[in-house]
C-alpha atoms as a PDB file:
ATOM      1  CA  MET A   1     -23.434   7.539  81.000  1.00  0.00           C
ATOM      2  CA  ILE A   2     -26.293   9.500  79.458  1.00  0.00           C
ATOM      3  CA  GLU A   3     -26.789  13.153  80.259  1.00  0.00           C
ATOM      4  CA  PHE A   4     -29.524  15.542  79.193  1.00  0.00           C
ATOM      5  CA  PHE A   5     -29.020  19.247  78.572  1.00  0.00           C
ATOM      6  CA  TYR A   6     -31.633  21.860  77.771  1.00  0.00           C
ATOM      7  CA  GLU A   7     -31.141  24.967  75.652  1.00  0.00           C
ATOM      8  CA  THR A   8     -34.901  25.537  75.628  1.00  0.00           C
ATOM      9  CA  ASP A   9     -37.823  25.475  78.063  1.00  0.00           C
ATOM     10  CA  PHE A  10     -38.527  21.814  77.231  1.00  0.00           C
ATOM     11  CA  LYS A  11     -37.623  19.204  79.874  1.00  0.00           C
ATOM     12  CA  LEU A  12     -37.996  15.433  79.783  1.00  0.00           C
ATOM     13  CA  SER A  13     -40.555  14.374  82.359  1.00  0.00           C
ATOM     14  CA  ASN A  14     -38.625  11.332  83.594  1.00  0.00           C
ATOM     15  CA  GLU A  15     -34.931  11.394  82.668  1.00  0.00           C
ATOM     16  CA  PRO A  16     -34.100   8.027  84.324  1.00  0.00           C
ATOM     17  CA  GLN A  17     -36.728   6.282  82.194  1.00  0.00           C
ATOM     18  CA  TYR A  18     -35.214   7.714  78.999  1.00  0.00           C
ATOM     19  CA  SER A  19     -31.670   6.891  80.149  1.00  0.00           C
ATOM     20  CA  ASP A  20     -32.657   3.309  80.893  1.00  0.00           C
ATOM     21  CA  TRP A  21     -34.307   2.976  77.493  1.00  0.00           C
ATOM     22  CA  ILE A  22     -31.361   4.391  75.527  1.00  0.00           C
ATOM     23  CA  GLY A  23     -29.004   2.150  77.514  1.00  0.00           C
ATOM     24  CA  ARG A  24     -31.089  -0.880  76.556  1.00  0.00           C
ATOM     25  CA  VAL A  25     -31.089   0.245  72.898  1.00  0.00           C
ATOM     26  CA  VAL A  26     -27.284   0.314  72.933  1.00  0.00           C
ATOM     27  CA  ILE A  27     -27.056  -3.098  74.632  1.00  0.00           C
ATOM     28  CA  SER A  28     -29.583  -4.573  72.168  1.00  0.00           C
ATOM     29  CA  GLU A  29     -27.109  -3.726  69.400  1.00  0.00           C
ATOM     30  CA  GLU A  30     -24.292  -5.515  71.276  1.00  0.00           C
ATOM     31  CA  ALA A  31     -22.439  -2.300  72.042  1.00  0.00           C
ATOM     32  CA  SER A  32     -21.411  -0.578  75.273  1.00  0.00           C
ATOM     33  CA  LEU A  33     -22.414   2.855  76.454  1.00  0.00           C
ATOM     34  CA  GLY A  34     -19.820   5.575  76.816  1.00  0.00           C
ATOM     35  CA  ALA A  35     -20.555   9.284  77.259  1.00  0.00           C
ATOM     36  CA  LEU A  36     -23.770  10.173  75.455  1.00  0.00           C
ATOM     37  CA  ASN A  37     -25.260  13.659  75.645  1.00  0.00           C
ATOM     38  CA  TYR A  38     -28.699  14.679  74.455  1.00  0.00           C
ATOM     39  CA  ILE A  39     -29.035  18.421  73.969  1.00  0.00           C
ATOM     40  CA  PHE A  40     -32.578  19.707  73.484  1.00  0.00           C
ATOM     41  CA  CYS A  41     -32.769  23.043  71.699  1.00  0.00           C
ATOM     42  CA  ASP A  42     -34.854  25.099  69.270  1.00  0.00           C
ATOM     43  CA  ASP A  43     -34.707  25.487  65.479  1.00  0.00           C
ATOM     44  CA  VAL A  44     -32.427  28.541  65.517  1.00  0.00           C
ATOM     45  CA  TYR A  45     -29.882  26.842  67.807  1.00  0.00           C
ATOM     46  CA  LEU A  46     -29.765  23.712  65.632  1.00  0.00           C
ATOM     47  CA  LEU A  47     -29.696  25.696  62.376  1.00  0.00           C
ATOM     48  CA  ASP A  48     -26.617  27.523  63.674  1.00  0.00           C
ATOM     49  CA  ILE A  49     -24.905  24.178  64.395  1.00  0.00           C
ATOM     50  CA  ASN A  50     -25.944  22.866  60.977  1.00  0.00           C
ATOM     51  CA  LYS A  51     -24.409  25.903  59.243  1.00  0.00           C
ATOM     52  CA  LYS A  52     -21.286  26.088  61.401  1.00  0.00           C
ATOM     53  CA  PHE A  53     -20.269  22.435  61.484  1.00  0.00           C
ATOM     54  CA  LEU A  54     -21.971  20.812  58.493  1.00  0.00           C
ATOM     55  CA  SER A  55     -22.258  23.732  56.044  1.00  0.00           C
ATOM     56  CA  HIS A  56     -25.992  23.075  55.619  1.00  0.00           C
ATOM     57  CA  ASP A  57     -28.386  26.028  55.660  1.00  0.00           C
ATOM     58  CA  THR A  58     -31.486  23.983  56.477  1.00  0.00           C
ATOM     59  CA  TYR A  59     -33.625  23.239  59.486  1.00  0.00           C
ATOM     60  CA  THR A  60     -33.436  19.705  60.826  1.00  0.00           C
ATOM     61  CA  ASP A  61     -34.802  17.768  63.771  1.00  0.00           C
ATOM     62  CA  ILE A  62     -31.526  16.147  64.807  1.00  0.00           C
ATOM     63  CA  ILE A  63     -27.770  16.337  64.408  1.00  0.00           C
ATOM     64  CA  SER A  64     -25.452  13.716  65.891  1.00  0.00           C
ATOM     65  CA  PHE A  65     -21.740  14.099  66.508  1.00  0.00           C
ATOM     66  CA  ASP A  66     -20.152  10.680  66.798  1.00  0.00           C
ATOM     67  CA  TYR A  67     -17.285  10.105  69.248  1.00  0.00           C
ATOM     68  CA  THR A  68     -17.675   6.310  69.280  1.00  0.00           C
ATOM     69  CA  GLU A  69     -14.534   4.218  69.663  1.00  0.00           C
ATOM     70  CA  ASN A  70     -14.709   0.507  68.896  1.00  0.00           C
ATOM     71  CA  GLU A  71     -18.041  -0.521  70.427  1.00  0.00           C
ATOM     72  CA  LEU A  72     -18.077   2.159  73.132  1.00  0.00           C
ATOM     73  CA  ILE A  73     -20.924   4.375  71.942  1.00  0.00           C
ATOM     74  CA  ALA A  74     -20.349   8.075  72.602  1.00  0.00           C
ATOM     75  CA  GLY A  75     -21.547  11.318  71.105  1.00  0.00           C
ATOM     76  CA  ASP A  76     -23.608  14.465  71.253  1.00  0.00           C
ATOM     77  CA  VAL A  77     -27.163  14.328  69.940  1.00  0.00           C
ATOM     78  CA  PHE A  78     -28.784  17.718  69.339  1.00  0.00           C
ATOM     79  CA  ILE A  79     -32.576  17.692  68.966  1.00  0.00           C
ATOM     80  CA  SER A  80     -34.775  20.608  67.909  1.00  0.00           C
ATOM     81  CA  VAL A  81     -37.903  20.352  70.048  1.00  0.00           C
ATOM     82  CA  GLN A  82     -39.658  22.763  67.657  1.00  0.00           C
ATOM     83  CA  ARG A  83     -38.974  20.450  64.706  1.00  0.00           C
ATOM     84  CA  VAL A  84     -40.111  17.389  66.688  1.00  0.00           C
ATOM     85  CA  LYS A  85     -43.403  19.170  67.472  1.00  0.00           C
ATOM     86  CA  ALA A  86     -43.874  20.209  63.836  1.00  0.00           C
ATOM     87  CA  ASN A  87     -43.093  16.706  62.578  1.00  0.00           C
ATOM     88  CA  SER A  88     -45.456  15.107  65.086  1.00  0.00           C
ATOM     89  CA  ILE A  89     -48.249  17.217  63.600  1.00  0.00           C
ATOM     90  CA  LYS A  90     -47.135  16.640  60.014  1.00  0.00           C
ATOM     91  CA  PHE A  91     -46.897  12.855  60.442  1.00  0.00           C
ATOM     92  CA  LYS A  92     -49.826  12.612  62.911  1.00  0.00           C
ATOM     93  CA  THR A  93     -47.745  10.630  65.396  1.00  0.00           C
ATOM     94  CA  GLY A  94     -48.040  12.563  68.648  1.00  0.00           C
ATOM     95  CA  PHE A  95     -45.171  14.450  70.254  1.00  0.00           C
ATOM     96  CA  HIS A  96     -43.932  11.651  72.546  1.00  0.00           C
ATOM     97  CA  GLN A  97     -43.832   9.111  69.720  1.00  0.00           C
ATOM     98  CA  GLU A  98     -41.917  11.519  67.480  1.00  0.00           C
ATOM     99  CA  LEU A  99     -39.517  12.361  70.302  1.00  0.00           C
ATOM    100  CA  LEU A 100     -38.768   8.660  70.805  1.00  0.00           C
ATOM    101  CA  ARG A 101     -38.235   8.273  67.065  1.00  0.00           C
ATOM    102  CA  VAL A 102     -35.724  11.119  66.939  1.00  0.00           C
ATOM    103  CA  MET A 103     -33.913  10.040  70.115  1.00  0.00           C
ATOM    104  CA  SER A 104     -33.558   6.487  68.801  1.00  0.00           C
ATOM    105  CA  HIS A 105     -32.525   7.826  65.380  1.00  0.00           C
ATOM    106  CA  GLY A 106     -29.611   9.694  66.942  1.00  0.00           C
ATOM    107  CA  VAL A 107     -28.273   6.732  68.859  1.00  0.00           C
ATOM    108  CA  LEU A 108     -28.754   4.464  65.829  1.00  0.00           C
ATOM    109  CA  HIS A 109     -26.452   6.759  63.850  1.00  0.00           C
ATOM    110  CA  LEU A 110     -23.865   6.362  66.606  1.00  0.00           C
ATOM    111  CA  LEU A 111     -24.349   2.604  66.360  1.00  0.00           C
ATOM    112  CA  GLY A 112     -23.418   2.727  62.674  1.00  0.00           C
ATOM    113  CA  TYR A 113     -26.779   2.953  60.904  1.00  0.00           C
ATOM    114  CA  ASN A 114     -27.076   5.429  58.044  1.00  0.00           C
ATOM    115  CA  ASP A 115     -29.944   6.958  56.096  1.00  0.00           C
ATOM    116  CA  LYS A 116     -28.373   8.281  52.894  1.00  0.00           C
ATOM    117  CA  SER A 117     -30.007   5.865  50.444  1.00  0.00           C
ATOM    118  CA  GLU A 118     -33.621   4.773  50.213  1.00  0.00           C
ATOM    119  CA  LYS A 119     -32.629   1.261  51.339  1.00  0.00           C
ATOM    120  CA  GLU A 120     -30.758   2.671  54.356  1.00  0.00           C
ATOM    121  CA  CYS A 121     -33.730   4.919  55.203  1.00  0.00           C
ATOM    122  CA  MET A 122     -36.057   1.927  55.222  1.00  0.00           C
ATOM    123  CA  ALA A 123     -33.684  -0.076  57.443  1.00  0.00           C
ATOM    124  CA  MET A 124     -33.298   2.917  59.775  1.00  0.00           C
ATOM    125  CA  ARG A 125     -37.073   3.321  60.069  1.00  0.00           C
ATOM    126  CA  GLU A 126     -37.462  -0.376  60.920  1.00  0.00           C
ATOM    127  CA  LYS A 127     -34.778  -0.073  63.614  1.00  0.00           C
ATOM    128  CA  GLU A 128     -36.415   3.094  65.002  1.00  0.00           C
ATOM    129  CA  ASN A 129     -39.744   1.287  65.293  1.00  0.00           C
ATOM    130  CA  GLU A 130     -38.075  -1.701  66.958  1.00  0.00           C
ATOM    131  CA  LYS A 131     -36.303   0.549  69.492  1.00  0.00           C
ATOM    132  CA  ILE A 132     -39.399   2.679  70.208  1.00  0.00           C
ATOM    133  CA  LYS A 133     -41.242  -0.490  71.250  1.00  0.00           C
ATOM    134  CA  MET A 134     -38.492  -1.107  73.808  1.00  0.00           C
ATOM    135  CA  PHE A 135     -39.375   2.146  75.616  1.00  0.00           C
ATOM    136  CA  HIS A 136     -42.605   0.673  76.928  1.00  0.00           C
ATOM    137  CA  VAL A 137     -40.999  -2.543  78.184  1.00  0.00           C
ATOM    138  CA  GLU A 138     -40.600  -2.507  81.950  1.00  0.00           C
ATOM    139  CA  HIS A 139     -37.120  -3.292  83.253  1.00  0.00           C
END
């Protein structure tokens, strides 16, 4: 089950479409969906989480807390809408495209993908692009 929570004025325009997409991303990796929460917030909210739980004093676009057991994917994915907007401008991708990238990035972490090394970052980016393309596939 996927749920969306909002700690900011931002709201997804079509939650069922995003839920369906994320569900298909999980299935495409041969895993099963457990309880997955997306929490949309601002920079200050996410910075506080980053300091409190990860001891990092930096802004970020996403933080994932993984509660996955076996292949039952579960977790909390916090996304700073402010950072997504800033990154969409910085990378000239458009807000929706950047939002899909960050949403897929979070679930990919829960699926076991990492981005600590350059090689892992490249593999993660390829997976993000693959999963973003799935959003536009009708089901």
